[in-house]
Amino acid sequence: MRAAEHLKLVEALQARWPEHRIGPGLDRERAILDLLGNPERAYPVIQIAGTNGKGSTAIMVESLLRAAGLRVGRYTSPHLVDLRERICVDGEPISVEYFDEIWEQISPMVQMVDDQHIDGIAPTFFEVMTAMAFAVFADAPVDVAVVEVGLGGRWDATNVVDAQVAVVAPVAMDHMHILGDTLTKIASEKAGIIKPGCAAVIAGQQPEAAAVLLAQCTDAGVHPVLEGPDFALLERRGAVGGQVIRIQTAGGPLGELYLPLFGEHMAHNAALAVAAVEAFMGGSPLNPQIIEQGLAEVDAPARLEVVRRNPPVILDTFHNPHGAHSAVAGLTESFEFNPLIAVVAAMRDKDIDGVFAEMAPAVSQVVLTTMPELPRARTLEEIDEIAARYWDGDHRITSPTVAEAIGEGIRLAESAGPGAGVLIAGSVVLAGQARGILLPDGVNPLHSGPQAVVEVPQLSDEQIEAMEGQPLEAVDDEPDSDGDSW
């Protein structure tokens, strides 16, 4: 397809029932996959739910599996800049040509389910994307798929799979209008991915959520692997470009692990990812070199990502109070910005008041903006009214577009002199638009790149000659582990 036709396809997909709403039931997803021959059954699955951290945990799980020599498919949401980021194979988004080809293959089946109008609606955007991901992974084929839940768990389209490993990252208050207005109700939805026969790996939780998740494990007859007694973050210290951590693994304590991400929350996610992969391996300890390499090669865009150096500009996707608390703590720990200027936009269904409460102690001045092309986005008037509770008129500016707001934030930091920094956060969509503006080619030149830990010895001419004629499996060939994108 030509580029224009690809864009029309993307627009048509995104015009379906939006992903911030859940279409009732799993029958539409099952119907599409049945017509496709059930590609979701062609490989084992590690499924990841939770309120915050599930996307970065999925990236880390993928990196660890690839360091172990496996071919990995990763399905995550939402995307930052390009829809294809959601479906990755071998750490890279599928190509435009392959995306369009897969759609051509599955579109007749989608149309058949469209015509059935199951539960009163056609397959949603997220359901179609999920079916495409499962088809891509079967076609690759992958050795394992890492699948991030889109929203909730029990009725999420990804939950048509019977995952070998069900991972639950920290549960907090978000999407209350859909998942429920208490932590217990929200945890009940997340717990829906824990099914008989799986291995359940559960991050540290608040008491109300922990009770629900443990009860689900009991009902499913599953013995959970828990943060604290079974795996843990033991120590950490700052390092250039990230941190060095020590974690409790299935094989015992393991230290001096470089993680190129900032914040204690990311260190906990790393411990969770290692535990998930060890559960996938049947509970056996991972080779320490695989853990070392897998974590060192993690690339998680828009997670306290430095996208500009002078003045420093930091990008994050946090959009609820729990995520804001973790990210702001990581930011203030890792950087000494004075002043810190924040560029913020938000969606109407998010607790931006709670987000501002977490940001206010660290942020000196805010530049507020909106995304008028999105009906869900808060208007400038709405977000300014809420921000006025935390910053006075001298420390609060409104800007009509994301590009202008970023420019204003950078100007304020430059005027403030050395020591000033800019944080862009409040919405995943804002983070994506900002990244597209600041890094138009998608490549971050400030990223240090993959740090190979497992050294491959150089072969002599005699050794190379001796290998000639041997079968391929006799050659110890290290997998190519480039950093992935999200």
Protein backbone atom coordinates (compact mmCIF):
# COMPACT_ATOMS: atom_id res chain seq x y z
CA MET A 1 0.00 0.00 0.00
CA ARG A 2 1.06 3.59 -0.59
CA ALA A 3 1.67 5.80 2.46
CA ALA A 4 -1.64 7.60 1.94
CA GLU A 5 -3.51 4.31 1.89
CA HIS A 6 -1.76 3.23 5.10
CA LEU A 7 -2.87 6.43 6.79
CA LYS A 8 -6.44 5.83 5.64
CA LEU A 9 -6.27 2.33 7.12
CA VAL A 10 -4.99 3.69 10.44
CA GLU A 11 -7.73 6.33 10.48
CA ALA A 12 -10.38 3.69 9.76
CA LEU A 13 -9.13 1.49 12.58
CA GLN A 14 -9.05 4.37 15.05
CA ALA A 15 -12.57 5.39 14.02
CA ARG A 16 -13.92 2.20 15.60
CA TRP A 17 -15.27 2.06 19.17
CA PRO A 18 -12.44 3.75 21.13
CA GLU A 19 -10.14 1.89 23.49
CA HIS A 20 -10.87 4.08 26.51
CA ARG A 21 -14.29 2.41 26.54
CA ILE A 22 -14.72 -1.33 27.03
CA GLY A 23 -17.14 -3.11 24.74
CA PRO A 24 -19.02 -5.67 26.84
CA GLY A 25 -17.82 -9.26 26.69
CA LEU A 26 -15.07 -11.21 24.94
CA ASP A 27 -17.28 -12.80 22.28
CA ARG A 28 -16.26 -10.45 19.46
CA GLU A 29 -12.56 -11.11 20.05
CA ARG A 30 -13.14 -14.85 20.27
CA ALA A 31 -15.22 -14.78 17.07
CA ILE A 32 -12.45 -13.06 15.09
CA LEU A 33 -9.77 -15.39 16.44
CA ASP A 34 -11.88 -18.49 15.77
CA LEU A 35 -12.20 -17.42 12.13
CA LEU A 36 -8.42 -16.89 12.01
CA GLY A 37 -7.74 -20.39 13.34
CA ASN A 38 -6.93 -19.26 16.88
CA PRO A 39 -3.45 -17.80 16.40
CA GLU A 40 -3.34 -16.89 20.10
CA ARG A 41 -2.85 -20.59 20.89
CA ALA A 42 0.28 -20.94 18.75
CA TYR A 43 2.75 -19.74 21.42
CA PRO A 44 2.99 -19.34 25.18
CA VAL A 45 1.93 -16.00 26.64
CA ILE A 46 3.11 -13.84 29.53
CA GLN A 47 0.22 -11.48 30.30
CA ILE A 48 0.70 -8.33 32.36
CA ALA A 49 -2.02 -6.33 34.13
CA GLY A 50 -1.89 -3.50 36.68
CA THR A 51 -2.54 0.21 36.96
CA ASN A 52 1.00 1.55 36.70
CA GLY A 53 4.20 -0.06 35.49
CA LYS A 54 2.76 -2.79 33.28
CA GLY A 55 4.11 -1.26 30.07
CA SER A 56 7.65 -0.82 31.36
CA THR A 57 7.51 -4.27 32.95
CA ALA A 58 6.49 -5.72 29.56
CA ILE A 59 9.49 -4.02 27.94
CA MET A 60 11.82 -5.46 30.59
CA VAL A 61 10.32 -8.96 30.30
CA GLU A 62 10.82 -8.80 26.54
CA SER A 63 14.43 -7.68 26.91
CA LEU A 64 15.21 -10.51 29.34
CA LEU A 65 13.63 -13.12 27.08
CA ARG A 66 15.56 -11.83 24.09
CA ALA A 67 18.78 -11.92 26.09
CA ALA A 68 17.97 -15.60 26.72
CA GLY A 69 17.93 -16.15 22.95
CA LEU A 70 14.16 -16.33 22.41
CA ARG A 71 12.17 -14.70 19.64
CA VAL A 72 9.62 -12.47 21.36
CA GLY A 73 6.43 -10.72 20.33
CA ARG A 74 5.29 -7.78 22.45
CA TYR A 75 1.83 -6.23 22.40
CA THR A 76 1.40 -3.01 24.39
CA SER A 77 -0.87 0.02 24.48
CA PRO A 78 -1.30 2.87 23.96
CA HIS A 79 1.30 3.92 21.43
CA LEU A 80 3.31 7.12 21.68
CA VAL A 81 3.76 8.24 18.08
CA ASP A 82 2.99 5.42 15.64
CA LEU A 83 0.26 2.80 15.89
CA ARG A 84 2.73 0.10 14.86
CA GLU A 85 4.62 0.54 18.15
CA ARG A 86 1.94 -1.62 19.76
CA ILE A 87 3.02 -4.75 17.87
CA CYS A 88 6.72 -5.57 18.12
CA VAL A 89 8.68 -8.62 17.02
CA ASP A 90 12.35 -8.97 17.97
CA GLY A 91 12.15 -5.63 19.75
CA GLU A 92 11.03 -3.63 16.70
CA PRO A 93 7.61 -2.41 15.57
CA ILE A 94 6.34 -4.25 12.53
CA SER A 95 6.84 -2.44 9.22
CA VAL A 96 4.20 -0.39 7.46
CA GLU A 97 4.07 -2.98 4.68
CA TYR A 98 3.61 -5.88 7.09
CA PHE A 99 0.99 -4.01 9.12
CA ASP A 100 -1.04 -3.43 5.96
CA GLU A 101 -0.50 -7.02 4.80
CA ILE A 102 -1.78 -8.46 8.09
CA TRP A 103 -4.83 -6.22 7.89
CA GLU A 104 -5.54 -7.45 4.38
CA GLN A 105 -5.39 -11.02 5.68
CA ILE A 106 -7.71 -10.56 8.64
CA SER A 107 -10.09 -7.87 7.34
CA PRO A 108 -12.58 -10.36 5.78
CA MET A 109 -12.91 -12.10 9.15
CA VAL A 110 -13.32 -8.78 10.93
CA GLN A 111 -16.04 -7.84 8.45
CA MET A 112 -17.85 -11.10 9.14
CA VAL A 113 -17.87 -10.30 12.86
CA ASP A 114 -18.81 -6.68 12.12
CA ASP A 115 -21.93 -7.99 10.42
CA GLN A 116 -22.87 -10.09 13.45
CA HIS A 117 -23.03 -6.98 15.70
CA ILE A 118 -22.34 -9.06 18.81
CA ASP A 119 -23.72 -7.41 21.96
CA GLY A 120 -24.88 -4.52 19.82
CA ILE A 121 -21.50 -3.27 18.56
CA ALA A 122 -18.92 -4.15 15.94
CA PRO A 123 -15.41 -5.19 17.03
CA THR A 124 -13.70 -2.27 18.74
CA PHE A 125 -10.42 -0.65 17.73
CA PHE A 126 -8.59 -2.41 20.56
CA GLU A 127 -10.16 -5.78 19.72
CA VAL A 128 -9.07 -5.53 16.08
CA MET A 129 -5.55 -4.48 17.07
CA THR A 130 -5.36 -7.39 19.51
CA ALA A 131 -6.38 -9.84 16.79
CA MET A 132 -3.77 -8.36 14.46
CA ALA A 133 -1.08 -8.77 17.12
CA PHE A 134 -1.97 -12.41 17.74
CA ALA A 135 -1.92 -13.07 13.99
CA VAL A 136 1.48 -11.38 13.60
CA PHE A 137 2.97 -13.42 16.43
CA ALA A 138 1.71 -16.70 14.97
CA ASP A 139 2.98 -15.75 11.53
CA ALA A 140 6.47 -14.74 12.77
CA PRO A 141 6.46 -17.22 14.56
CA VAL A 142 7.52 -16.13 18.05
CA ASP A 143 8.72 -18.34 20.88
CA VAL A 144 6.70 -16.35 23.41
CA ALA A 145 4.36 -13.37 23.40
CA VAL A 146 4.43 -10.66 26.07
CA VAL A 147 0.93 -9.18 26.19
CA GLU A 148 0.02 -6.07 28.16
CA VAL A 149 -3.60 -5.75 29.24
CA GLY A 150 -5.21 -2.68 27.76
CA LEU A 151 -7.73 -1.74 30.44
CA GLY A 152 -8.74 -3.76 33.49
CA GLY A 153 -8.23 -7.45 32.89
CA ARG A 154 -11.32 -9.61 33.21
CA TRP A 155 -13.08 -8.18 30.14
CA ASP A 156 -10.03 -6.89 28.30
CA ALA A 157 -9.70 -8.29 24.78
CA THR A 158 -6.28 -9.75 25.61
CA ASN A 159 -7.90 -12.00 28.21
CA VAL A 160 -9.01 -14.48 25.55
CA VAL A 161 -5.61 -16.09 26.13
CA ASP A 162 -4.82 -18.60 28.85
CA ALA A 163 -1.47 -17.18 29.83
CA GLN A 164 1.31 -19.38 31.15
CA VAL A 165 2.32 -16.50 33.42
CA ALA A 166 -0.08 -13.86 34.76
CA VAL A 167 1.74 -10.81 36.10
CA VAL A 168 0.00 -8.13 38.18
CA ALA A 169 1.89 -4.85 38.57
CA PRO A 170 0.83 -2.38 41.31
CA VAL A 171 -2.91 -1.68 41.38
CA ALA A 172 -4.12 1.87 42.08
CA MET A 173 -7.10 4.12 41.41
CA ASP A 174 -7.63 4.82 37.70
CA HIS A 175 -10.42 4.37 35.14
CA MET A 176 -12.87 4.43 38.08
CA HIS A 177 -15.81 5.17 35.77
CA ILE A 178 -15.23 1.78 34.14
CA LEU A 179 -13.49 -0.46 36.68
CA GLY A 180 -15.13 0.71 39.89
CA ASP A 181 -14.69 3.37 42.53
CA THR A 182 -12.79 1.31 45.11
CA LEU A 183 -9.42 -0.41 45.10
CA THR A 184 -11.19 -3.70 45.80
CA LYS A 185 -13.35 -3.40 42.68
CA ILE A 186 -10.42 -2.39 40.49
CA ALA A 187 -8.27 -5.24 41.80
CA SER A 188 -11.13 -7.65 41.07
CA GLU A 189 -10.96 -6.66 37.40
CA LYS A 190 -7.17 -7.00 37.27
CA ALA A 191 -7.39 -10.40 39.01
CA GLY A 192 -9.34 -11.75 36.05
CA ILE A 193 -6.13 -12.71 34.26
CA ILE A 194 -5.23 -15.22 37.01
CA LYS A 195 -6.64 -18.55 35.85
CA PRO A 196 -6.17 -22.24 36.71
CA GLY A 197 -2.88 -23.60 35.43
CA CYS A 198 -1.01 -20.31 35.21
CA ALA A 199 1.89 -19.04 37.29
CA ALA A 200 0.84 -15.83 39.06
CA VAL A 201 3.54 -13.24 39.78
CA ILE A 202 2.30 -10.35 41.90
CA ALA A 203 4.03 -7.06 42.70
CA GLY A 204 3.76 -5.42 46.11
CA GLN A 205 0.20 -4.17 46.59
CA GLN A 206 -1.91 -2.11 48.93
CA PRO A 207 -3.74 -4.36 51.45
CA GLU A 208 -7.17 -4.13 49.79
CA ALA A 209 -5.77 -5.10 46.38
CA ALA A 210 -3.53 -7.83 47.82
CA ALA A 211 -6.51 -9.51 49.51
CA VAL A 212 -8.44 -9.68 46.23
CA LEU A 213 -5.50 -10.98 44.19
CA LEU A 214 -4.60 -13.66 46.75
CA ALA A 215 -8.23 -14.77 46.93
CA GLN A 216 -8.27 -15.15 43.15
CA CYS A 217 -5.10 -17.26 43.34
CA THR A 218 -6.81 -19.51 45.90
CA ASP A 219 -9.94 -19.85 43.75
CA ALA A 220 -7.82 -20.70 40.70
CA GLY A 221 -5.67 -23.18 42.61
CA VAL A 222 -2.56 -21.16 41.84
CA HIS A 223 0.39 -20.70 44.21
CA PRO A 224 1.43 -17.05 43.80
CA VAL A 225 4.98 -15.73 43.48
CA LEU A 226 4.95 -12.62 45.66
CA GLU A 227 7.13 -9.56 45.93
CA GLY A 228 8.68 -9.68 49.37
CA PRO A 229 8.86 -13.35 50.26
CA ASP A 230 9.71 -14.67 46.76
CA PHE A 231 11.44 -11.82 44.93
CA ALA A 232 12.45 -8.31 45.92
CA LEU A 233 14.40 -5.15 45.27
CA LEU A 234 17.19 -5.28 47.86
CA GLU A 235 19.34 -2.24 47.15
CA ARG A 236 19.92 0.42 44.55
CA ARG A 237 22.11 3.42 43.89
CA GLY A 238 22.26 6.10 41.25
CA ALA A 239 24.38 5.74 38.15
CA VAL A 240 24.97 7.70 34.96
CA GLY A 241 21.88 7.29 32.83
CA GLY A 242 19.99 5.19 35.37
CA GLN A 243 20.75 3.13 38.45
CA VAL A 244 22.51 0.03 39.71
CA ILE A 245 20.29 -2.43 41.55
CA ARG A 246 20.51 -5.59 43.63
CA ILE A 247 17.53 -7.94 43.58
CA GLN A 248 16.40 -11.21 45.12
CA THR A 249 15.95 -13.79 42.35
CA ALA A 250 15.02 -17.47 42.28
CA GLY A 251 18.75 -18.17 42.46
CA GLY A 252 19.38 -15.85 45.40
CA PRO A 253 20.58 -12.24 45.69
CA LEU A 254 22.08 -10.75 42.54
CA GLY A 255 23.72 -7.34 42.47
CA GLU A 256 25.57 -4.81 40.33
CA LEU A 257 22.81 -4.85 37.72
CA TYR A 258 22.72 -1.73 35.59
CA LEU A 259 19.22 -0.48 34.73
CA PRO A 260 19.13 2.47 32.31
CA LEU A 261 15.97 3.91 33.88
CA PHE A 262 15.41 6.33 36.75
CA GLY A 263 13.32 5.90 39.91
CA GLU A 264 12.65 3.33 42.59
CA HIS A 265 9.44 2.30 40.83
CA MET A 266 11.46 1.19 37.80
CA ALA A 267 13.81 -0.83 40.02
CA HIS A 268 10.79 -2.63 41.50
CA ASN A 269 9.48 -3.25 37.97
CA ALA A 270 12.84 -4.80 37.07
CA ALA A 271 12.60 -7.23 39.99
CA LEU A 272 9.04 -8.07 38.90
CA ALA A 273 10.16 -8.67 35.30
CA VAL A 274 12.93 -11.05 36.38
CA ALA A 275 10.48 -12.97 38.57
CA ALA A 276 8.03 -13.22 35.66
CA VAL A 277 10.65 -14.65 33.31
CA GLU A 278 11.84 -17.11 35.95
CA ALA A 279 8.23 -18.22 36.44
CA PHE A 280 7.98 -18.69 32.67
CA MET A 281 11.08 -20.89 32.89
CA GLY A 282 9.31 -23.10 35.41
CA GLY A 283 10.68 -21.33 38.47
CA SER A 284 14.29 -22.07 37.58
CA PRO A 285 16.86 -19.33 38.19
CA LEU A 286 17.92 -17.33 35.17
CA ASN A 287 21.57 -17.23 34.25
CA PRO A 288 22.94 -14.06 35.95
CA GLN A 289 24.54 -12.98 32.67
CA ILE A 290 21.12 -13.09 30.98
CA ILE A 291 19.63 -10.91 33.74
CA GLU A 292 22.57 -8.52 33.53
CA GLN A 293 22.35 -8.22 29.76
CA GLY A 294 18.57 -8.11 29.58
CA LEU A 295 18.22 -5.27 32.08
CA ALA A 296 21.15 -3.29 30.67
CA GLU A 297 19.54 -3.30 27.21
CA VAL A 298 16.12 -2.04 28.32
CA ASP A 299 14.86 0.96 26.32
CA ALA A 300 11.65 2.49 27.66
CA PRO A 301 10.75 5.74 25.87
CA ALA A 302 8.87 8.44 27.83
CA ARG A 303 9.66 6.94 31.22
CA LEU A 304 11.59 9.84 32.79
CA GLU A 305 13.34 9.98 29.44
CA VAL A 306 15.86 12.77 28.87
CA VAL A 307 15.03 14.04 25.38
CA ARG A 308 17.04 17.27 25.44
CA ARG A 309 20.15 18.27 27.35
CA ASN A 310 20.32 22.09 27.27
CA PRO A 311 18.09 22.92 28.98
CA PRO A 312 17.25 19.42 30.19
CA VAL A 313 13.81 18.19 29.12
CA ILE A 314 12.34 15.08 30.75
CA LEU A 315 9.40 13.18 29.29
CA ASP A 316 7.02 10.88 31.19
CA THR A 317 3.65 9.25 30.61
CA PHE A 318 2.22 9.46 34.15
CA HIS A 319 -1.46 10.41 34.21
CA ASN A 320 -2.80 9.39 37.65
CA PRO A 321 -1.73 10.28 41.21
CA HIS A 322 0.00 6.95 41.89
CA GLY A 323 2.08 7.24 38.73
CA ALA A 324 2.82 10.91 39.39
CA HIS A 325 4.02 10.14 42.92
CA SER A 326 6.48 7.49 41.68
CA ALA A 327 7.76 9.51 38.74
CA VAL A 328 8.20 12.78 40.66
CA ALA A 329 10.08 10.90 43.39
CA GLY A 330 12.36 9.39 40.76
CA LEU A 331 12.85 12.76 39.08
CA THR A 332 13.76 14.66 42.25
CA GLU A 333 16.06 11.85 43.36
CA SER A 334 17.93 11.65 40.06
CA PHE A 335 18.05 15.33 39.03
CA GLU A 336 18.57 18.57 40.94
CA PHE A 337 16.49 20.97 38.89
CA ASN A 338 15.94 24.45 40.34
CA PRO A 339 13.54 25.60 39.15
CA LEU A 340 11.53 22.76 37.60
CA ILE A 341 9.03 23.87 34.96
CA ALA A 342 6.27 21.41 33.98
CA VAL A 343 4.37 21.29 30.69
CA VAL A 344 1.05 19.57 31.39
CA ALA A 345 -2.06 18.43 29.52
CA ALA A 346 -4.67 15.92 30.66
CA MET A 347 -7.75 13.97 29.71
CA ARG A 348 -11.15 14.66 31.29
CA ASP A 349 -11.43 11.16 32.75
CA LYS A 350 -8.16 11.48 34.70
CA ASP A 351 -7.66 12.75 38.25
CA ILE A 352 -5.53 15.74 37.28
CA ASP A 353 -6.25 17.36 40.66
CA GLY A 354 -4.53 14.40 42.34
CA VAL A 355 -1.70 14.56 39.80
CA PHE A 356 -1.15 18.27 40.50
CA ALA A 357 -1.10 17.56 44.24
CA GLU A 358 1.81 15.18 43.69
CA MET A 359 3.63 17.56 41.35
CA ALA A 360 3.20 20.83 43.25
CA PRO A 361 5.96 20.38 45.89
CA ALA A 362 8.59 19.84 43.17
CA VAL A 363 7.31 22.06 40.34
CA SER A 364 7.91 25.82 40.49
CA GLN A 365 5.93 26.79 37.41
CA VAL A 366 3.48 25.11 35.03
CA VAL A 367 2.74 25.64 31.37
CA LEU A 368 -0.74 24.29 30.72
CA THR A 369 -1.88 23.15 27.31
CA THR A 370 -4.51 21.07 25.57
CA MET A 371 -5.04 18.86 22.54
CA PRO A 372 -8.11 20.39 20.86
CA GLU A 373 -8.28 17.61 18.29
CA LEU A 374 -9.21 15.16 21.07
CA PRO A 375 -12.73 15.44 22.58
CA ARG A 376 -11.44 13.72 25.75
CA ALA A 377 -8.81 16.36 26.40
CA ARG A 378 -9.41 18.95 29.09
CA THR A 379 -9.74 22.47 27.74
CA LEU A 380 -7.31 25.18 28.77
CA GLU A 381 -10.02 26.71 30.95
CA GLU A 382 -10.68 23.42 32.73
CA ILE A 383 -7.08 22.54 33.44
CA ASP A 384 -6.21 26.12 34.42
CA GLU A 385 -9.03 26.21 36.97
CA ILE A 386 -7.69 23.08 38.66
CA ALA A 387 -4.04 24.19 38.47
CA ALA A 388 -4.97 27.47 40.17
CA ARG A 389 -5.38 25.49 43.40
CA TYR A 390 -1.64 24.80 43.39
CA TRP A 391 0.09 27.65 41.51
CA ASP A 392 -0.72 31.37 41.52
CA GLY A 393 -1.02 33.51 38.42
CA ASP A 394 2.68 34.35 38.36
CA HIS A 395 3.62 30.67 38.19
CA ARG A 396 0.94 29.43 35.79
CA ILE A 397 0.82 29.96 32.03
CA THR A 398 -1.60 28.65 29.39
CA SER A 399 -0.55 27.84 25.85
CA PRO A 400 -2.98 26.78 23.09
CA THR A 401 -0.95 24.01 21.48
CA VAL A 402 1.49 21.35 22.62
CA ALA A 403 4.26 22.70 20.39
CA GLU A 404 3.86 26.23 21.74
CA ALA A 405 3.71 24.94 25.33
CA ILE A 406 6.96 23.02 24.89
CA GLY A 407 8.60 26.09 23.39
CA GLU A 408 7.39 28.20 26.31
CA GLY A 409 8.65 25.67 28.85
CA ILE A 410 12.10 25.61 27.23
CA ARG A 411 12.17 29.44 27.06
CA LEU A 412 11.35 29.71 30.77
CA ALA A 413 14.09 27.21 31.64
CA GLU A 414 16.64 29.07 29.50
CA SER A 415 15.68 32.35 31.15
CA ALA A 416 16.04 30.81 34.61
CA GLY A 417 19.64 29.86 33.86
CA PRO A 418 21.75 26.81 34.75
CA GLY A 419 20.01 24.33 37.00
CA ALA A 420 16.55 24.72 35.47
CA GLY A 421 14.77 21.77 33.90
CA VAL A 422 11.53 20.96 32.07
CA LEU A 423 9.16 18.06 32.77
CA ILE A 424 6.51 17.14 30.19
CA ALA A 425 3.80 14.87 31.63
CA GLY A 426 0.13 14.37 32.48
CA SER A 427 -1.03 12.31 29.51
CA VAL A 428 0.30 9.48 27.34
CA VAL A 429 -0.97 11.37 24.30
CA LEU A 430 0.93 14.49 25.39
CA ALA A 431 4.10 12.43 25.85
CA GLY A 432 3.67 10.98 22.37
CA GLN A 433 3.10 14.34 20.74
CA ALA A 434 6.03 15.86 22.62
CA ARG A 435 8.32 13.03 21.62
CA GLY A 436 7.26 13.43 17.99
CA ILE A 437 8.10 17.15 18.15
CA LEU A 438 11.40 16.86 20.01
CA LEU A 439 12.60 13.63 18.38
CA PRO A 440 10.98 13.69 14.93
CA ASP A 441 12.91 10.67 13.67
CA GLY A 442 12.07 8.67 16.80
CA VAL A 443 15.74 8.25 17.74
CA ASN A 444 17.03 9.70 20.99
CA PRO A 445 20.65 10.79 20.41
CA LEU A 446 21.16 11.06 24.18
CA HIS A 447 20.48 7.36 24.66
CA SER A 448 23.70 5.52 25.37
CA GLY A 449 22.55 2.50 23.38
CA PRO A 450 22.62 -1.17 24.32
CA GLN A 451 25.33 -2.12 26.77
CA ALA A 452 26.48 -5.61 25.96
CA VAL A 453 27.35 -7.57 29.07
CA VAL A 454 27.94 -11.05 27.71
CA GLU A 455 31.23 -10.88 25.87
CA VAL A 456 31.62 -13.03 22.76
CA PRO A 457 35.23 -14.21 22.36
CA GLN A 458 36.95 -13.46 19.06
CA LEU A 459 37.59 -16.61 17.05
CA SER A 460 40.96 -17.35 15.51
CA ASP A 461 41.31 -18.22 11.82
CA GLU A 462 42.00 -21.84 12.86
CA GLN A 463 38.77 -21.99 14.89
CA ILE A 464 36.76 -20.56 12.01
CA GLU A 465 38.23 -23.14 9.62
CA ALA A 466 37.44 -25.93 12.08
CA MET A 467 33.78 -24.85 12.19
CA GLU A 468 33.29 -25.04 8.44
CA GLY A 469 30.95 -27.83 7.49
CA GLN A 470 29.45 -28.17 10.97
CA PRO A 471 25.66 -28.09 11.26
CA LEU A 472 24.22 -24.69 12.14
CA GLU A 473 23.14 -25.71 15.64
CA ALA A 474 26.75 -26.45 16.55
CA VAL A 475 27.65 -22.78 16.23
CA ASP A 476 27.26 -20.73 19.41
CA ASP A 477 25.80 -17.61 17.90
CA GLU A 478 24.79 -14.78 20.23
CA PRO A 479 21.39 -13.25 19.39
CA ASP A 480 21.37 -9.70 18.16
CA SER A 481 19.79 -7.70 21.01
CA ASP A 482 19.20 -4.17 19.84
CA GLY A 483 17.25 -1.86 22.15
CA ASP A 484 13.51 -2.00 21.55
CA SER A 485 11.09 0.91 21.22
CA TRP A 486 7.65 1.52 22.58
